[in-house]
């Protein structure tokens, strides 16, 4: 079993956690801690950001934290130690940063079936994490 398992999820896409959550819980066992991570995506443009309210990032992070807390209460089995984390920015970069911050032994993440156009244009987050992680990464399909 692993002491600290990091599970990144996107609440808008159940495929990001439907199969990965049970696997992550199993790999934590009764002694480990499950770290659930939500990332508010970077909008990618200062021009777009200029149209948003000044406290947009703070409110988005707070809302995601509340949603993840509710999600964990409803979906993580009782007796599993779970901690919720939120980040803002580029998904692979912040996922790897969070893994380092929590001292993760393992990252468990879902991967969507390949979509050639999307992969060509933006790449796969799972692929980037696997390529750059210094700890094991389990990709669940």
N, C-alpha and C. Protein backbone atom coordinates (compact mmCIF):
# COMPACT_ATOMS: atom_id res chain seq x y z
N UNK A 1 0.83 -1.19 0.00
CA UNK A 1 0.00 0.00 0.00
C UNK A 1 0.88 1.26 0.00
N UNK A 2 0.27 2.37 -0.33
CA UNK A 2 1.00 3.63 -0.43
C UNK A 2 0.55 4.57 0.69
N UNK A 3 1.48 5.38 1.18
CA UNK A 3 1.17 6.30 2.28
C UNK A 3 0.38 7.52 1.80
N UNK A 4 0.72 8.04 0.63
CA UNK A 4 0.07 9.24 0.10
C UNK A 4 -0.21 9.06 -1.38
N UNK A 5 -1.49 8.96 -1.72
CA UNK A 5 -1.91 8.78 -3.10
C UNK A 5 -2.61 10.06 -3.56
N UNK A 6 -2.15 10.60 -4.68
CA UNK A 6 -2.76 11.81 -5.24
C UNK A 6 -3.70 11.42 -6.37
N UNK A 7 -4.94 11.91 -6.29
CA UNK A 7 -5.96 11.63 -7.30
C UNK A 7 -6.49 12.95 -7.85
N UNK A 8 -6.06 13.35 -9.04
CA UNK A 8 -6.63 14.55 -9.66
C UNK A 8 -7.96 14.21 -10.31
N UNK A 9 -8.97 15.04 -10.08
CA UNK A 9 -10.26 14.80 -10.70
C UNK A 9 -10.84 16.10 -11.24
N UNK A 10 -11.72 15.93 -12.21
CA UNK A 10 -12.47 17.04 -12.77
C UNK A 10 -13.94 16.69 -12.54
N UNK A 11 -14.59 17.40 -11.65
CA UNK A 11 -15.97 17.09 -11.30
C UNK A 11 -16.93 17.20 -12.48
N UNK A 12 -16.56 17.94 -13.51
CA UNK A 12 -17.40 18.07 -14.69
C UNK A 12 -17.31 16.86 -15.61
N UNK A 13 -16.34 15.97 -15.35
CA UNK A 13 -16.13 14.79 -16.18
C UNK A 13 -16.03 13.56 -15.29
N UNK A 14 -17.15 12.87 -15.07
CA UNK A 14 -17.14 11.67 -14.22
C UNK A 14 -16.10 10.63 -14.66
N UNK A 15 -15.74 10.61 -15.93
CA UNK A 15 -14.73 9.65 -16.39
C UNK A 15 -13.38 9.89 -15.71
N UNK A 16 -13.19 11.09 -15.15
CA UNK A 16 -11.92 11.38 -14.47
C UNK A 16 -11.83 10.73 -13.11
N UNK A 17 -12.95 10.23 -12.59
CA UNK A 17 -12.90 9.62 -11.26
C UNK A 17 -13.67 8.32 -11.11
N UNK A 18 -14.56 7.98 -12.04
CA UNK A 18 -15.41 6.79 -11.89
C UNK A 18 -14.59 5.54 -11.62
N UNK A 19 -13.55 5.30 -12.40
CA UNK A 19 -12.71 4.12 -12.21
C UNK A 19 -11.48 4.43 -11.38
N UNK A 20 -10.99 5.65 -11.45
CA UNK A 20 -9.75 6.00 -10.75
C UNK A 20 -9.94 6.10 -9.24
N UNK A 21 -11.09 6.59 -8.78
CA UNK A 21 -11.32 6.74 -7.34
C UNK A 21 -11.27 5.40 -6.61
N UNK A 22 -12.01 4.37 -7.06
CA UNK A 22 -11.93 3.09 -6.35
C UNK A 22 -10.51 2.52 -6.33
N UNK A 23 -9.76 2.69 -7.42
CA UNK A 23 -8.39 2.20 -7.47
C UNK A 23 -7.51 2.96 -6.48
N UNK A 24 -7.66 4.26 -6.41
CA UNK A 24 -6.85 5.07 -5.49
C UNK A 24 -7.16 4.71 -4.04
N UNK A 25 -8.43 4.52 -3.73
CA UNK A 25 -8.83 4.14 -2.37
C UNK A 25 -8.21 2.79 -2.01
N UNK A 26 -8.28 1.86 -2.93
CA UNK A 26 -7.72 0.52 -2.70
C UNK A 26 -6.21 0.61 -2.44
N UNK A 27 -5.52 1.46 -3.19
CA UNK A 27 -4.06 1.56 -3.06
C UNK A 27 -3.64 2.31 -1.79
N UNK A 28 -4.54 3.09 -1.22
CA UNK A 28 -4.27 3.76 0.07
C UNK A 28 -4.35 2.76 1.21
N UNK A 29 -5.23 1.80 1.08
CA UNK A 29 -5.46 0.87 2.17
C UNK A 29 -6.01 1.59 3.38
N UNK A 30 -5.87 0.99 4.53
CA UNK A 30 -6.41 1.59 5.75
C UNK A 30 -5.43 2.55 6.41
N UNK A 31 -4.18 2.53 5.98
CA UNK A 31 -3.15 3.36 6.60
C UNK A 31 -2.79 4.62 5.81
N UNK A 32 -3.08 4.62 4.51
CA UNK A 32 -2.66 5.72 3.66
C UNK A 32 -3.64 6.88 3.64
N UNK A 33 -3.22 7.96 3.00
CA UNK A 33 -4.06 9.15 2.84
C UNK A 33 -4.30 9.39 1.36
N UNK A 34 -5.56 9.61 1.03
CA UNK A 34 -5.95 9.95 -0.33
C UNK A 34 -6.00 11.47 -0.43
N UNK A 35 -5.23 12.00 -1.36
CA UNK A 35 -5.21 13.45 -1.61
C UNK A 35 -5.96 13.68 -2.92
N UNK A 36 -7.14 14.30 -2.82
CA UNK A 36 -7.96 14.58 -4.00
C UNK A 36 -7.64 16.00 -4.45
N UNK A 37 -7.31 16.13 -5.72
CA UNK A 37 -6.88 17.42 -6.27
C UNK A 37 -7.82 17.88 -7.37
N UNK A 38 -8.26 19.13 -7.25
CA UNK A 38 -9.02 19.79 -8.31
C UNK A 38 -8.22 20.97 -8.81
N UNK A 39 -8.21 21.16 -10.10
CA UNK A 39 -7.44 22.28 -10.68
C UNK A 39 -8.38 23.16 -11.49
N UNK A 40 -8.42 24.43 -11.12
CA UNK A 40 -9.15 25.43 -11.91
C UNK A 40 -8.25 25.75 -13.10
N UNK A 41 -8.75 25.45 -14.29
CA UNK A 41 -7.93 25.60 -15.49
C UNK A 41 -7.54 27.05 -15.73
N UNK A 42 -6.33 27.22 -16.21
CA UNK A 42 -5.84 28.53 -16.60
C UNK A 42 -6.55 28.94 -17.88
N UNK A 43 -7.01 30.17 -17.92
CA UNK A 43 -7.73 30.64 -19.11
C UNK A 43 -6.78 30.93 -20.27
N UNK A 44 -5.49 31.05 -19.96
CA UNK A 44 -4.50 31.12 -21.01
C UNK A 44 -4.28 32.46 -21.67
N UNK A 45 -5.00 33.47 -21.29
CA UNK A 45 -4.84 34.75 -21.95
C UNK A 45 -5.09 35.89 -20.95
N UNK A 46 -4.17 36.81 -20.90
CA UNK A 46 -4.34 37.97 -20.03
C UNK A 46 -5.51 38.82 -20.50
N UNK A 47 -5.77 38.80 -21.79
CA UNK A 47 -6.88 39.59 -22.34
C UNK A 47 -8.21 39.05 -21.79
N UNK A 48 -8.36 37.74 -21.77
CA UNK A 48 -9.59 37.15 -21.23
C UNK A 48 -9.71 37.46 -19.75
N UNK A 49 -8.61 37.32 -19.03
CA UNK A 49 -8.61 37.58 -17.59
C UNK A 49 -9.00 39.00 -17.25
N UNK A 50 -8.70 39.93 -18.14
CA UNK A 50 -9.02 41.33 -17.87
C UNK A 50 -10.53 41.58 -17.81
N UNK A 51 -11.34 40.69 -18.38
CA UNK A 51 -12.79 40.84 -18.37
C UNK A 51 -13.43 40.19 -17.14
N UNK A 52 -12.65 39.46 -16.36
CA UNK A 52 -13.18 38.76 -15.19
C UNK A 52 -13.10 39.64 -13.95
N UNK A 53 -13.94 39.37 -12.96
CA UNK A 53 -13.86 40.14 -11.71
C UNK A 53 -12.49 39.94 -11.05
N UNK A 54 -12.09 40.92 -10.28
CA UNK A 54 -10.76 40.90 -9.65
C UNK A 54 -10.57 39.69 -8.74
N UNK A 55 -11.63 39.23 -8.12
CA UNK A 55 -11.50 38.10 -7.20
C UNK A 55 -11.92 36.78 -7.82
N UNK A 56 -11.90 36.68 -9.16
CA UNK A 56 -12.35 35.48 -9.85
C UNK A 56 -11.59 34.24 -9.40
N UNK A 57 -10.28 34.32 -9.38
CA UNK A 57 -9.47 33.14 -9.02
C UNK A 57 -9.78 32.67 -7.60
N UNK A 58 -9.84 33.62 -6.68
CA UNK A 58 -10.13 33.26 -5.28
C UNK A 58 -11.49 32.60 -5.16
N UNK A 59 -12.49 33.16 -5.81
CA UNK A 59 -13.85 32.59 -5.74
C UNK A 59 -13.93 31.23 -6.43
N UNK A 60 -13.24 31.09 -7.56
CA UNK A 60 -13.25 29.81 -8.28
C UNK A 60 -12.59 28.71 -7.44
N UNK A 61 -11.48 29.05 -6.79
CA UNK A 61 -10.80 28.07 -5.93
C UNK A 61 -11.67 27.69 -4.73
N UNK A 62 -12.31 28.69 -4.13
CA UNK A 62 -13.17 28.43 -2.98
C UNK A 62 -14.36 27.55 -3.38
N UNK A 63 -14.97 27.84 -4.53
CA UNK A 63 -16.10 27.05 -5.00
C UNK A 63 -15.67 25.62 -5.30
N UNK A 64 -14.52 25.46 -5.94
CA UNK A 64 -14.04 24.11 -6.24
C UNK A 64 -13.75 23.34 -4.96
N UNK A 65 -13.17 24.00 -3.97
CA UNK A 65 -12.88 23.34 -2.68
C UNK A 65 -14.18 22.83 -2.05
N UNK A 66 -15.21 23.66 -2.04
CA UNK A 66 -16.50 23.27 -1.47
C UNK A 66 -17.10 22.09 -2.24
N UNK A 67 -17.03 22.13 -3.56
CA UNK A 67 -17.57 21.04 -4.38
C UNK A 67 -16.80 19.74 -4.15
N UNK A 68 -15.47 19.83 -4.04
CA UNK A 68 -14.67 18.64 -3.80
C UNK A 68 -14.92 18.06 -2.41
N UNK A 69 -15.11 18.94 -1.42
CA UNK A 69 -15.43 18.46 -0.07
C UNK A 69 -16.74 17.66 -0.10
N UNK A 70 -17.75 18.19 -0.78
CA UNK A 70 -19.03 17.50 -0.90
C UNK A 70 -18.86 16.18 -1.66
N UNK A 71 -18.11 16.22 -2.74
CA UNK A 71 -17.86 15.02 -3.53
C UNK A 71 -17.22 13.93 -2.66
N UNK A 72 -16.22 14.30 -1.89
CA UNK A 72 -15.53 13.32 -1.04
C UNK A 72 -16.45 12.77 0.03
N UNK A 73 -17.26 13.65 0.63
CA UNK A 73 -18.22 13.18 1.63
C UNK A 73 -19.17 12.14 1.05
N UNK A 74 -19.55 12.32 -0.21
CA UNK A 74 -20.53 11.43 -0.84
C UNK A 74 -19.91 10.19 -1.50
N UNK A 75 -18.63 10.26 -1.89
CA UNK A 75 -18.06 9.19 -2.72
C UNK A 75 -16.87 8.44 -2.14
N UNK A 76 -16.19 9.01 -1.18
CA UNK A 76 -15.04 8.32 -0.61
C UNK A 76 -15.54 7.46 0.55
N UNK A 77 -15.19 6.18 0.55
CA UNK A 77 -15.68 5.28 1.59
C UNK A 77 -15.28 5.74 2.99
N UNK A 78 -16.19 5.54 3.93
CA UNK A 78 -15.92 5.87 5.32
C UNK A 78 -14.69 5.10 5.79
N UNK A 79 -13.88 5.74 6.58
CA UNK A 79 -12.67 5.10 7.08
C UNK A 79 -11.44 5.42 6.25
N UNK A 80 -11.64 6.03 5.07
CA UNK A 80 -10.51 6.43 4.23
C UNK A 80 -10.10 7.84 4.62
N UNK A 81 -8.83 8.01 4.91
CA UNK A 81 -8.30 9.33 5.22
C UNK A 81 -8.19 10.12 3.91
N UNK A 82 -8.87 11.25 3.84
CA UNK A 82 -8.88 12.03 2.60
C UNK A 82 -8.64 13.50 2.90
N UNK A 83 -7.84 14.13 2.03
CA UNK A 83 -7.55 15.56 2.12
C UNK A 83 -7.80 16.16 0.74
N UNK A 84 -8.50 17.29 0.71
CA UNK A 84 -8.82 17.96 -0.55
C UNK A 84 -7.85 19.11 -0.79
N UNK A 85 -7.40 19.21 -2.03
CA UNK A 85 -6.48 20.28 -2.44
C UNK A 85 -7.02 20.93 -3.72
N UNK A 86 -6.79 22.21 -3.87
CA UNK A 86 -7.16 22.90 -5.11
C UNK A 86 -5.97 23.74 -5.59
N UNK A 87 -5.85 23.83 -6.89
CA UNK A 87 -4.79 24.60 -7.54
C UNK A 87 -5.41 25.38 -8.69
N UNK A 88 -4.66 26.30 -9.24
CA UNK A 88 -5.12 27.08 -10.38
C UNK A 88 -4.00 27.17 -11.39
N UNK A 89 -4.30 26.79 -12.63
CA UNK A 89 -3.30 26.94 -13.68
C UNK A 89 -3.26 25.77 -14.63
N UNK A 90 -2.09 25.55 -15.20
CA UNK A 90 -1.83 24.50 -16.19
C UNK A 90 -1.88 23.15 -15.49
N UNK A 91 -2.74 22.25 -15.95
CA UNK A 91 -3.04 21.01 -15.24
C UNK A 91 -1.80 20.16 -14.94
N UNK A 92 -1.02 19.73 -15.92
CA UNK A 92 0.12 18.86 -15.59
C UNK A 92 1.12 19.52 -14.64
N UNK A 93 1.38 20.78 -14.85
CA UNK A 93 2.35 21.51 -14.01
C UNK A 93 1.89 21.54 -12.55
N UNK A 94 0.64 21.88 -12.32
CA UNK A 94 0.14 21.99 -10.96
C UNK A 94 -0.11 20.62 -10.32
N UNK A 95 -0.41 19.65 -11.13
CA UNK A 95 -0.56 18.30 -10.60
C UNK A 95 0.79 17.80 -10.06
N UNK A 96 1.84 18.00 -10.81
CA UNK A 96 3.17 17.58 -10.36
C UNK A 96 3.62 18.40 -9.14
N UNK A 97 3.28 19.66 -9.12
CA UNK A 97 3.60 20.51 -7.96
C UNK A 97 2.88 20.00 -6.72
N UNK A 98 1.59 19.68 -6.86
CA UNK A 98 0.82 19.18 -5.72
C UNK A 98 1.38 17.85 -5.23
N UNK A 99 1.79 16.99 -6.15
CA UNK A 99 2.36 15.69 -5.75
C UNK A 99 3.59 15.90 -4.87
N UNK A 100 4.40 16.86 -5.24
CA UNK A 100 5.60 17.16 -4.45
C UNK A 100 5.22 17.74 -3.09
N UNK A 101 4.25 18.66 -3.08
CA UNK A 101 3.83 19.32 -1.84
C UNK A 101 3.28 18.34 -0.81
N UNK A 102 2.50 17.35 -1.26
CA UNK A 102 1.87 16.42 -0.32
C UNK A 102 2.74 15.20 -0.04
N UNK A 103 3.88 15.10 -0.71
CA UNK A 103 4.75 13.95 -0.53
C UNK A 103 4.13 12.68 -1.08
N UNK A 104 3.48 12.79 -2.23
CA UNK A 104 2.78 11.64 -2.82
C UNK A 104 3.77 10.54 -3.19
N UNK A 105 3.35 9.29 -2.93
CA UNK A 105 4.11 8.11 -3.34
C UNK A 105 3.64 7.62 -4.70
N UNK A 106 2.42 8.03 -5.08
CA UNK A 106 1.77 7.53 -6.29
C UNK A 106 0.75 8.56 -6.76
N UNK A 107 0.66 8.70 -8.08
CA UNK A 107 -0.41 9.49 -8.69
C UNK A 107 -1.31 8.50 -9.42
N UNK A 108 -2.60 8.55 -9.14
CA UNK A 108 -3.58 7.74 -9.85
C UNK A 108 -4.45 8.71 -10.62
N UNK A 109 -4.52 8.52 -11.93
CA UNK A 109 -5.33 9.43 -12.73
C UNK A 109 -5.98 8.70 -13.89
N UNK A 110 -7.11 9.23 -14.30
CA UNK A 110 -7.83 8.66 -15.43
C UNK A 110 -7.28 9.25 -16.72
N UNK A 111 -7.48 8.50 -17.77
CA UNK A 111 -7.13 8.99 -19.10
C UNK A 111 -8.30 8.71 -20.01
N UNK A 112 -8.66 9.68 -20.80
CA UNK A 112 -9.75 9.48 -21.74
C UNK A 112 -9.21 8.72 -22.95
N UNK A 113 -10.09 8.05 -23.67
CA UNK A 113 -9.65 7.38 -24.90
C UNK A 113 -9.04 8.42 -25.85
N UNK A 114 -8.03 8.05 -26.58
CA UNK A 114 -7.37 9.02 -27.45
C UNK A 114 -8.31 9.65 -28.47
N UNK A 115 -8.17 10.93 -28.64
CA UNK A 115 -8.87 11.69 -29.67
C UNK A 115 -7.75 12.35 -30.45
N UNK A 116 -7.51 11.88 -31.66
CA UNK A 116 -6.34 12.31 -32.41
C UNK A 116 -6.23 13.82 -32.55
N UNK A 117 -7.34 14.50 -32.84
CA UNK A 117 -7.28 15.94 -33.02
C UNK A 117 -6.94 16.64 -31.72
N UNK A 118 -7.62 16.27 -30.62
CA UNK A 118 -7.35 16.92 -29.34
C UNK A 118 -5.92 16.66 -28.89
N UNK A 119 -5.45 15.42 -29.04
CA UNK A 119 -4.09 15.09 -28.63
C UNK A 119 -3.07 15.89 -29.44
N UNK A 120 -3.34 16.04 -30.74
CA UNK A 120 -2.43 16.79 -31.59
C UNK A 120 -2.40 18.27 -31.19
N UNK A 121 -3.56 18.82 -30.85
CA UNK A 121 -3.64 20.25 -30.55
C UNK A 121 -3.16 20.59 -29.14
N UNK A 122 -3.56 19.83 -28.14
CA UNK A 122 -3.23 20.20 -26.76
C UNK A 122 -2.47 19.12 -26.01
N UNK A 123 -2.38 17.94 -26.55
CA UNK A 123 -1.68 16.86 -25.88
C UNK A 123 -2.50 16.27 -24.76
N UNK A 124 -2.02 15.19 -24.21
CA UNK A 124 -2.71 14.51 -23.14
C UNK A 124 -2.10 14.89 -21.80
N UNK A 125 -2.97 15.28 -20.84
CA UNK A 125 -2.46 15.60 -19.51
C UNK A 125 -1.79 14.38 -18.88
N UNK A 126 -2.40 13.21 -19.04
CA UNK A 126 -1.82 11.99 -18.47
C UNK A 126 -0.44 11.73 -19.06
N UNK A 127 -0.30 11.91 -20.36
CA UNK A 127 0.99 11.68 -21.01
C UNK A 127 2.06 12.62 -20.44
N UNK A 128 1.69 13.87 -20.25
CA UNK A 128 2.66 14.85 -19.73
C UNK A 128 3.05 14.53 -18.30
N UNK A 129 2.08 14.10 -17.50
CA UNK A 129 2.37 13.76 -16.11
C UNK A 129 3.28 12.53 -16.05
N UNK A 130 2.94 11.51 -16.83
CA UNK A 130 3.77 10.30 -16.84
C UNK A 130 5.19 10.63 -17.26
N UNK A 131 5.33 11.46 -18.26
CA UNK A 131 6.66 11.80 -18.78
C UNK A 131 7.51 12.58 -17.78
N UNK A 132 6.89 13.42 -16.96
CA UNK A 132 7.66 14.31 -16.10
C UNK A 132 7.63 13.94 -14.61
N UNK A 133 6.83 12.99 -14.21
CA UNK A 133 6.73 12.64 -12.79
C UNK A 133 7.97 11.89 -12.32
N UNK A 134 8.35 12.16 -11.08
CA UNK A 134 9.48 11.45 -10.49
C UNK A 134 9.00 10.31 -9.60
N UNK A 135 7.69 10.12 -9.53
CA UNK A 135 7.09 9.03 -8.75
C UNK A 135 6.23 8.20 -9.69
N UNK A 136 5.82 7.00 -9.26
CA UNK A 136 4.96 6.18 -10.14
C UNK A 136 3.62 6.86 -10.42
N UNK A 137 3.14 6.64 -11.63
CA UNK A 137 1.85 7.16 -12.06
C UNK A 137 1.04 5.98 -12.59
N UNK A 138 -0.16 5.79 -12.05
CA UNK A 138 -1.06 4.76 -12.56
C UNK A 138 -2.14 5.45 -13.36
N UNK A 139 -2.20 5.11 -14.64
CA UNK A 139 -3.21 5.68 -15.52
C UNK A 139 -4.33 4.65 -15.65
N UNK A 140 -5.55 5.03 -15.28
CA UNK A 140 -6.69 4.13 -15.28
C UNK A 140 -7.60 4.49 -16.43
N UNK A 141 -8.02 3.46 -17.16
CA UNK A 141 -8.97 3.68 -18.27
C UNK A 141 -10.24 2.97 -17.99
